[in-house]
Amino acid sequence: MNRHLLLLFTFYIVHSTSIPAQQPLRIQSDTYTPDPAPVVSGKRLYVFTGCDMDTATYFRMPQWQVFSTRDMKHWRREGRPMTTAVFQWARQGDNAWASQAIERNGRWYWYVAAEDTTNHLHGIGVATAQQPSGPWKDAIGRPLIPGAMGFIDPTVFIDDDGQAYLFWGNNGLWYAKLNEDMTSIDTTFGTGGIRDMRQMLDDEAQFGPRRMKHDWQLNKKVLKTNFEEAPWVYKIGDTYYLEYAAGGVPEHWAYSTAKSIHGPWTYQGRITDESPGSFTIHGGTVDFRGKSYLFYHDGLLSGGNGFRRSTAIREFQRKANGGIPFININQ
């Protein structure tokens, strides 16, 4: 999902030595930058974000944005190269929710959550381009994953053997094998090419203690999985990492690990507490130029408006075994 007071900023990042040590790094922009998805390509780190509207009182998001840096100090705006107009099957001018992009064989693939006007629910679309600044075009002219309840927040991952996977989900978690073209799924994998992980999510050993959450269909609180939404998948050595928003609303950031992309997973605990000024959190960790960074969004720059969110960045040091320490984002 996605979220902040309109301030005008210059396009460079404030280095940690020039602000109080306990403040996060920022991508400075004249727009809100929710749902950051960092990816390293060569010597440059790109961050794909959403774009909360300045007057938003809900998740009003008409387009996506891209920023990049070589040094985590100075940022270049790659523009707002993609709007809902790229996807003719999507609701126009709104509901351009969380996304993630990846590069393969010299081409970029951007997986986004947009409202499928056939089902009137979010599905997953895929656009392609030669470079992050675009131009981008719809790769297949229809949703890669048609709209269904909970089908938001895509994350994409390419394993060491070249097999690519797409994960997504809100109050549920699903995944598919991507074919080598990155624009179609292996229909022999799971039911219709999709595997449902919801039974795993209910296992507290895999995803942490279940929580009392509001069930909108039953219109009451019920005991549900700790996993909420916003999966973020990657691998270090022989260990797979799955980071995610957890705990219901307000959300905190947590993670689980596994020795197989198919699980079983082992719950490792919180990475952060709830995001300041925002009832949601979304992002992921990335290693760049020998350092580790957590990207997430908060609502501090909007004065605590959870529908106008901005990217925040915290540098951290991984544990000796590759684990993630608790990161205090409320200082």
Protein backbone atom coordinates (compact mmCIF):
# COMPACT_ATOMS: atom_id res chain seq x y z
CA MET A 1 0.00 0.00 0.00
CA ASN A 2 0.91 3.58 -0.16
CA ARG A 3 1.10 7.75 1.69
CA HIS A 4 2.46 13.52 3.37
CA LEU A 5 2.55 18.59 3.95
CA LEU A 6 3.82 19.94 0.71
CA LEU A 7 7.41 21.18 1.06
CA LEU A 8 9.74 22.25 -1.72
CA PHE A 9 13.10 20.52 -1.69
CA THR A 10 16.15 20.54 -3.93
CA PHE A 11 17.20 17.36 -5.69
CA TYR A 12 20.00 16.06 -3.56
CA ILE A 13 20.04 13.84 -0.52
CA VAL A 14 21.00 15.29 2.83
CA HIS A 15 24.07 13.39 4.00
CA SER A 16 23.98 11.91 7.49
CA THR A 17 26.84 14.15 8.65
CA SER A 18 24.80 17.28 7.91
CA ILE A 19 21.72 16.35 9.92
CA PRO A 20 21.28 15.00 13.46
CA ALA A 21 22.76 11.50 13.60
CA GLN A 22 19.44 9.90 14.54
CA GLN A 23 17.53 11.33 11.56
CA PRO A 24 16.99 9.24 8.42
CA LEU A 25 18.48 10.06 5.05
CA ARG A 26 15.97 11.48 2.57
CA ILE A 27 15.43 11.59 -1.14
CA GLN A 28 14.56 15.27 -1.34
CA SER A 29 11.75 16.02 -3.72
CA ASP A 30 8.78 18.29 -4.34
CA THR A 31 6.54 15.21 -4.35
CA TYR A 32 5.67 12.50 -1.88
CA THR A 33 7.55 9.24 -2.46
CA PRO A 34 5.79 6.24 -0.86
CA ASP A 35 6.60 2.56 -1.23
CA PRO A 36 10.31 2.83 -2.12
CA ALA A 37 11.78 -0.12 -4.02
CA PRO A 38 15.59 0.14 -4.32
CA VAL A 39 17.59 -1.80 -6.91
CA VAL A 40 21.29 -1.66 -7.79
CA SER A 41 22.41 -1.58 -11.41
CA GLY A 42 26.13 -1.24 -11.99
CA LYS A 43 27.44 1.72 -10.01
CA ARG A 44 24.04 3.33 -9.59
CA LEU A 45 21.22 2.68 -7.14
CA TYR A 46 17.70 3.32 -8.44
CA VAL A 47 14.63 3.84 -6.26
CA PHE A 48 11.20 3.27 -7.77
CA THR A 49 8.40 4.91 -5.77
CA GLY A 50 4.75 5.78 -5.93
CA CYS A 51 3.44 9.35 -5.84
CA ASP A 52 0.89 10.38 -3.21
CA MET A 53 -1.17 13.39 -4.24
CA ASP A 54 -0.53 16.59 -2.28
CA THR A 55 -4.15 16.75 -1.11
CA ALA A 56 -4.67 13.03 -0.58
CA THR A 57 -7.08 11.91 2.14
CA TYR A 58 -6.89 8.33 0.93
CA PHE A 59 -4.38 6.48 -1.27
CA ARG A 60 -4.69 8.86 -4.24
CA MET A 61 -1.85 7.89 -6.55
CA PRO A 62 -1.87 8.66 -10.31
CA GLN A 63 1.70 7.72 -11.29
CA TRP A 64 5.08 6.23 -10.40
CA GLN A 65 8.50 7.89 -10.02
CA VAL A 66 12.20 6.99 -10.26
CA PHE A 67 15.26 8.46 -8.51
CA SER A 68 18.91 7.39 -8.64
CA THR A 69 22.25 7.98 -6.93
CA ARG A 70 25.90 6.95 -7.15
CA ASP A 71 26.91 7.92 -3.62
CA MET A 72 23.78 8.08 -1.37
CA LYS A 73 24.42 11.83 -1.07
CA HIS A 74 23.35 13.31 -4.38
CA TRP A 75 20.17 12.15 -6.06
CA ARG A 76 19.02 12.52 -9.64
CA ARG A 77 15.40 12.55 -10.55
CA GLU A 78 14.77 10.15 -13.41
CA GLY A 79 11.29 11.61 -13.74
CA ARG A 80 7.75 10.35 -13.45
CA PRO A 81 8.07 8.08 -16.45
CA MET A 82 4.96 5.98 -15.94
CA THR A 83 1.33 6.80 -15.23
CA THR A 84 -1.80 4.69 -15.31
CA ALA A 85 -2.15 5.71 -18.97
CA VAL A 86 0.51 3.08 -19.81
CA PHE A 87 -2.02 0.40 -18.82
CA GLN A 88 -5.22 0.71 -20.79
CA TRP A 89 -6.81 -2.05 -18.72
CA ALA A 90 -6.32 -0.06 -15.49
CA ARG A 91 -8.39 2.60 -13.77
CA GLN A 92 -7.04 5.92 -14.99
CA GLY A 93 -5.60 8.72 -12.86
CA ASP A 94 -5.60 6.86 -9.55
CA ASN A 95 -4.79 3.64 -7.70
CA ALA A 96 -1.21 3.42 -8.99
CA TRP A 97 -0.06 1.50 -5.93
CA ALA A 98 3.21 -0.12 -4.85
CA SER A 99 5.68 -1.49 -7.40
CA GLN A 100 9.14 -2.98 -7.91
CA ALA A 101 11.43 -3.07 -10.95
CA ILE A 102 14.33 -5.28 -11.99
CA GLU A 103 16.84 -5.45 -14.84
CA ARG A 104 17.49 -8.55 -16.91
CA ASN A 105 19.51 -9.05 -20.10
CA GLY A 106 19.84 -5.31 -20.66
CA ARG A 107 16.14 -4.60 -20.28
CA TRP A 108 14.04 -3.32 -17.38
CA TYR A 109 10.77 -4.81 -16.10
CA TRP A 110 8.51 -2.83 -13.79
CA TYR A 111 5.81 -4.72 -11.87
CA VAL A 112 3.04 -2.52 -10.51
CA ALA A 113 -0.24 -2.80 -8.63
CA ALA A 114 -3.08 -1.10 -10.50
CA GLU A 115 -6.84 -1.44 -10.44
CA ASP A 116 -8.05 -3.95 -13.01
CA THR A 117 -11.23 -2.41 -14.43
CA THR A 118 -12.52 -5.86 -15.38
CA ASN A 119 -12.58 -7.10 -11.79
CA HIS A 120 -12.49 -3.68 -10.11
CA LEU A 121 -9.73 -4.98 -7.86
CA HIS A 122 -5.99 -4.48 -7.96
CA GLY A 123 -3.94 -6.81 -10.12
CA ILE A 124 -0.30 -6.88 -11.19
CA GLY A 125 0.82 -5.29 -14.45
CA VAL A 126 4.25 -5.35 -16.09
CA ALA A 127 5.87 -2.65 -18.22
CA THR A 128 9.19 -2.76 -20.06
CA ALA A 129 11.83 -0.18 -21.02
CA GLN A 130 15.44 0.06 -22.07
CA GLN A 131 16.26 2.26 -19.07
CA PRO A 132 14.57 3.34 -15.80
CA SER A 133 13.75 6.79 -17.17
CA GLY A 134 11.69 5.15 -19.90
CA PRO A 135 9.82 5.35 -22.11
CA TRP A 136 7.84 2.50 -20.58
CA LYS A 137 5.16 0.48 -22.31
CA ASP A 138 2.74 -2.20 -21.24
CA ALA A 139 4.48 -5.48 -22.05
CA ILE A 140 1.38 -7.59 -22.72
CA GLY A 141 -1.65 -5.27 -22.92
CA ARG A 142 -3.43 -6.91 -20.00
CA PRO A 143 -2.72 -7.70 -16.32
CA LEU A 144 -0.01 -10.28 -15.80
CA ILE A 145 -1.89 -11.26 -12.62
CA PRO A 146 -5.60 -10.35 -12.98
CA GLY A 147 -7.23 -8.42 -10.16
CA ALA A 148 -8.35 -10.28 -7.05
CA MET A 149 -8.76 -9.55 -3.34
CA GLY A 150 -5.33 -8.89 -1.81
CA PHE A 151 -3.42 -8.90 -5.10
CA ILE A 152 -1.17 -5.89 -4.45
CA ASP A 153 2.47 -5.10 -3.55
CA PRO A 154 4.52 -7.10 -6.08
CA THR A 155 8.16 -8.01 -5.41
CA VAL A 156 10.37 -9.65 -8.04
CA PHE A 157 13.44 -11.81 -7.50
CA ILE A 158 15.85 -13.70 -9.80
CA ASP A 159 17.49 -16.73 -8.16
CA ASP A 160 21.07 -17.89 -8.71
CA ASP A 161 19.92 -20.44 -11.29
CA GLY A 162 18.23 -17.71 -13.35
CA GLN A 163 14.70 -18.61 -12.31
CA ALA A 164 12.65 -15.48 -11.59
CA TYR A 165 9.78 -15.31 -9.10
CA LEU A 166 7.02 -12.81 -8.46
CA PHE A 167 5.51 -12.53 -4.96
CA TRP A 168 2.60 -10.31 -3.93
CA GLY A 169 -0.13 -9.98 -1.32
CA ASN A 170 -2.13 -8.20 1.35
CA ASN A 171 -3.43 -10.36 4.24
CA GLY A 172 -2.35 -13.25 2.09
CA LEU A 173 0.73 -14.15 0.10
CA TRP A 174 0.96 -15.65 -3.36
CA TYR A 175 3.82 -16.31 -5.77
CA ALA A 176 4.48 -17.44 -9.32
CA LYS A 177 7.38 -18.50 -11.50
CA LEU A 178 8.16 -16.00 -14.22
CA ASN A 179 9.19 -17.34 -17.58
CA GLU A 180 12.50 -16.14 -19.01
CA ASP A 181 10.72 -13.39 -20.92
CA MET A 182 9.75 -11.88 -17.52
CA THR A 183 6.31 -11.01 -18.92
CA SER A 184 4.51 -14.35 -18.53
CA ILE A 185 4.20 -16.96 -15.80
CA ASP A 186 4.76 -20.71 -15.78
CA THR A 187 1.19 -21.98 -15.82
CA THR A 188 2.29 -25.45 -14.62
CA PHE A 189 3.42 -23.96 -11.29
CA GLY A 190 0.58 -24.20 -8.78
CA THR A 191 -3.07 -23.57 -9.60
CA GLY A 192 -3.15 -21.63 -12.84
CA GLY A 193 0.50 -20.79 -12.30
CA ILE A 194 0.01 -19.36 -8.80
CA ARG A 195 0.91 -20.87 -5.43
CA ASP A 196 -1.01 -19.79 -2.34
CA MET A 197 1.08 -19.34 0.84
CA ARG A 198 -1.77 -18.45 3.23
CA GLN A 199 -1.52 -21.73 5.11
CA MET A 200 2.16 -20.99 5.78
CA LEU A 201 1.25 -17.51 7.02
CA ASP A 202 -0.88 -18.97 9.79
CA ASP A 203 2.10 -20.93 11.13
CA GLU A 204 3.54 -18.78 13.93
CA ALA A 205 6.93 -20.47 13.64
CA GLN A 206 7.16 -19.20 10.07
CA PHE A 207 5.61 -15.72 10.31
CA GLY A 208 5.25 -14.83 13.95
CA PRO A 209 2.37 -14.66 16.43
CA ARG A 210 -1.08 -14.20 14.95
CA ARG A 211 -2.89 -10.93 15.66
CA MET A 212 -6.44 -9.77 16.24
CA LYS A 213 -7.32 -7.93 13.04
CA HIS A 214 -10.48 -6.52 11.57
CA ASP A 215 -11.98 -8.84 8.95
CA TRP A 216 -13.90 -6.66 6.50
CA GLN A 217 -15.98 -9.53 5.17
CA LEU A 218 -17.07 -10.66 8.65
CA ASN A 219 -17.04 -7.07 9.95
CA LYS A 220 -15.43 -8.11 13.21
CA LYS A 221 -12.01 -8.74 14.69
CA VAL A 222 -10.60 -12.23 14.26
CA LEU A 223 -7.25 -13.91 14.92
CA LYS A 224 -5.24 -13.61 11.71
CA THR A 225 -1.69 -13.95 10.42
CA ASN A 226 1.02 -11.57 11.59
CA PHE A 227 1.89 -10.99 7.91
CA GLU A 228 0.09 -7.96 6.56
CA GLU A 229 1.44 -6.98 3.11
CA ALA A 230 4.40 -5.59 1.12
CA PRO A 231 6.65 -8.66 0.64
CA TRP A 232 10.31 -8.03 -0.25
CA VAL A 233 12.31 -11.09 -1.38
CA TYR A 234 16.06 -11.55 -1.92
CA LYS A 235 18.90 -13.98 -1.19
CA ILE A 236 22.24 -13.80 0.62
CA GLY A 237 24.45 -16.89 0.27
CA ASP A 238 22.17 -19.89 0.63
CA THR A 239 19.53 -18.04 2.68
CA TYR A 240 16.34 -16.52 1.31
CA TYR A 241 14.95 -13.43 3.02
CA LEU A 242 11.31 -12.36 3.06
CA GLU A 243 10.71 -8.94 4.59
CA TYR A 244 7.17 -7.63 5.03
CA ALA A 245 4.79 -5.27 6.78
CA ALA A 246 3.38 -7.05 9.82
CA GLY A 247 1.06 -6.83 12.78
CA GLY A 248 -2.03 -5.30 11.22
CA VAL A 249 -2.61 -1.54 11.24
CA PRO A 250 -0.48 0.27 12.27
CA GLU A 251 2.22 -1.84 10.65
CA HIS A 252 5.79 -2.62 11.63
CA TRP A 253 8.52 -4.22 9.47
CA ALA A 254 9.54 -7.86 10.07
CA TYR A 255 11.22 -10.74 8.30
CA SER A 256 11.48 -14.50 7.89
CA THR A 257 14.19 -16.65 6.30
CA ALA A 258 14.34 -19.99 4.51
CA LYS A 259 16.78 -22.35 2.81
CA SER A 260 14.39 -22.78 -0.12
CA ILE A 261 12.37 -20.17 -1.98
CA HIS A 262 9.41 -22.49 -1.40
CA GLY A 263 9.87 -22.54 2.39
CA PRO A 264 9.37 -23.54 5.07
CA TRP A 265 10.18 -20.11 6.51
CA THR A 266 11.48 -19.25 9.97
CA TYR A 267 10.24 -16.09 11.68
CA GLN A 268 13.15 -13.86 12.69
CA GLY A 269 11.28 -10.99 14.37
CA ARG A 270 10.87 -7.27 13.96
CA ILE A 271 13.19 -5.09 11.93
CA THR A 272 11.44 -1.89 13.01
CA ASP A 273 8.54 -0.70 15.10
CA GLU A 274 5.65 1.19 13.53
CA SER A 275 6.63 3.93 11.08
CA PRO A 276 6.40 7.44 12.56
CA GLY A 277 3.53 9.49 11.18
CA SER A 278 2.27 6.64 9.01
CA PHE A 279 0.03 3.68 9.80
CA THR A 280 1.64 1.73 6.93
CA ILE A 281 5.23 0.84 6.13
CA HIS A 282 6.66 -0.43 2.86
CA GLY A 283 10.17 -0.82 1.48
CA GLY A 284 13.09 -3.19 1.76
CA THR A 285 16.78 -3.56 2.43
CA VAL A 286 19.58 -3.36 -0.13
CA ASP A 287 23.38 -3.50 -0.13
CA PHE A 288 25.18 -0.75 -2.05
CA ARG A 289 28.85 0.27 -2.16
CA GLY A 290 29.71 -2.02 0.74
CA LYS A 291 26.97 -0.78 3.07
CA SER A 292 23.45 -1.95 3.96
CA TYR A 293 20.41 0.31 3.86
CA LEU A 294 16.77 0.02 4.89
CA PHE A 295 14.36 1.96 2.68
CA TYR A 296 10.84 2.63 4.00
CA HIS A 297 8.28 5.42 4.09
CA ASP A 298 6.99 7.55 6.94
CA GLY A 299 4.58 10.46 7.35
CA LEU A 300 6.87 12.95 9.07
CA LEU A 301 7.23 15.38 6.17
CA SER A 302 3.45 15.71 5.89
CA GLY A 303 3.02 16.32 9.60
CA GLY A 304 1.72 12.81 10.19
CA ASN A 305 -0.65 12.31 7.25
CA GLY A 306 -0.63 8.58 6.57
CA PHE A 307 -1.82 9.12 2.98
CA ARG A 308 1.08 11.45 2.08
CA ARG A 309 4.27 9.52 2.68
CA SER A 310 7.95 10.10 1.98
CA THR A 311 10.92 7.79 1.54
CA ALA A 312 13.29 7.48 4.49
CA ILE A 313 16.60 5.59 4.54
CA ARG A 314 18.57 4.10 7.43
CA GLU A 315 22.07 2.71 7.14
CA PHE A 316 22.65 -0.42 9.24
CA GLN A 317 25.15 -3.23 9.68
CA ARG A 318 24.08 -6.81 9.13
CA LYS A 319 24.83 -9.43 11.74
CA ALA A 320 27.71 -11.84 11.13
CA ASN A 321 25.23 -14.48 9.93
CA GLY A 322 23.55 -12.05 7.51
CA GLY A 323 20.64 -11.34 9.82
CA ILE A 324 19.06 -7.91 10.23
CA PRO A 325 19.35 -6.11 13.58
CA PHE A 326 16.45 -4.18 15.08
CA ILE A 327 16.54 -0.68 13.54
CA ASN A 328 15.07 2.12 15.63
CA ILE A 329 13.29 4.40 13.15
CA ASN A 330 11.52 6.37 15.87
CA GLN A 331 14.59 8.31 16.99
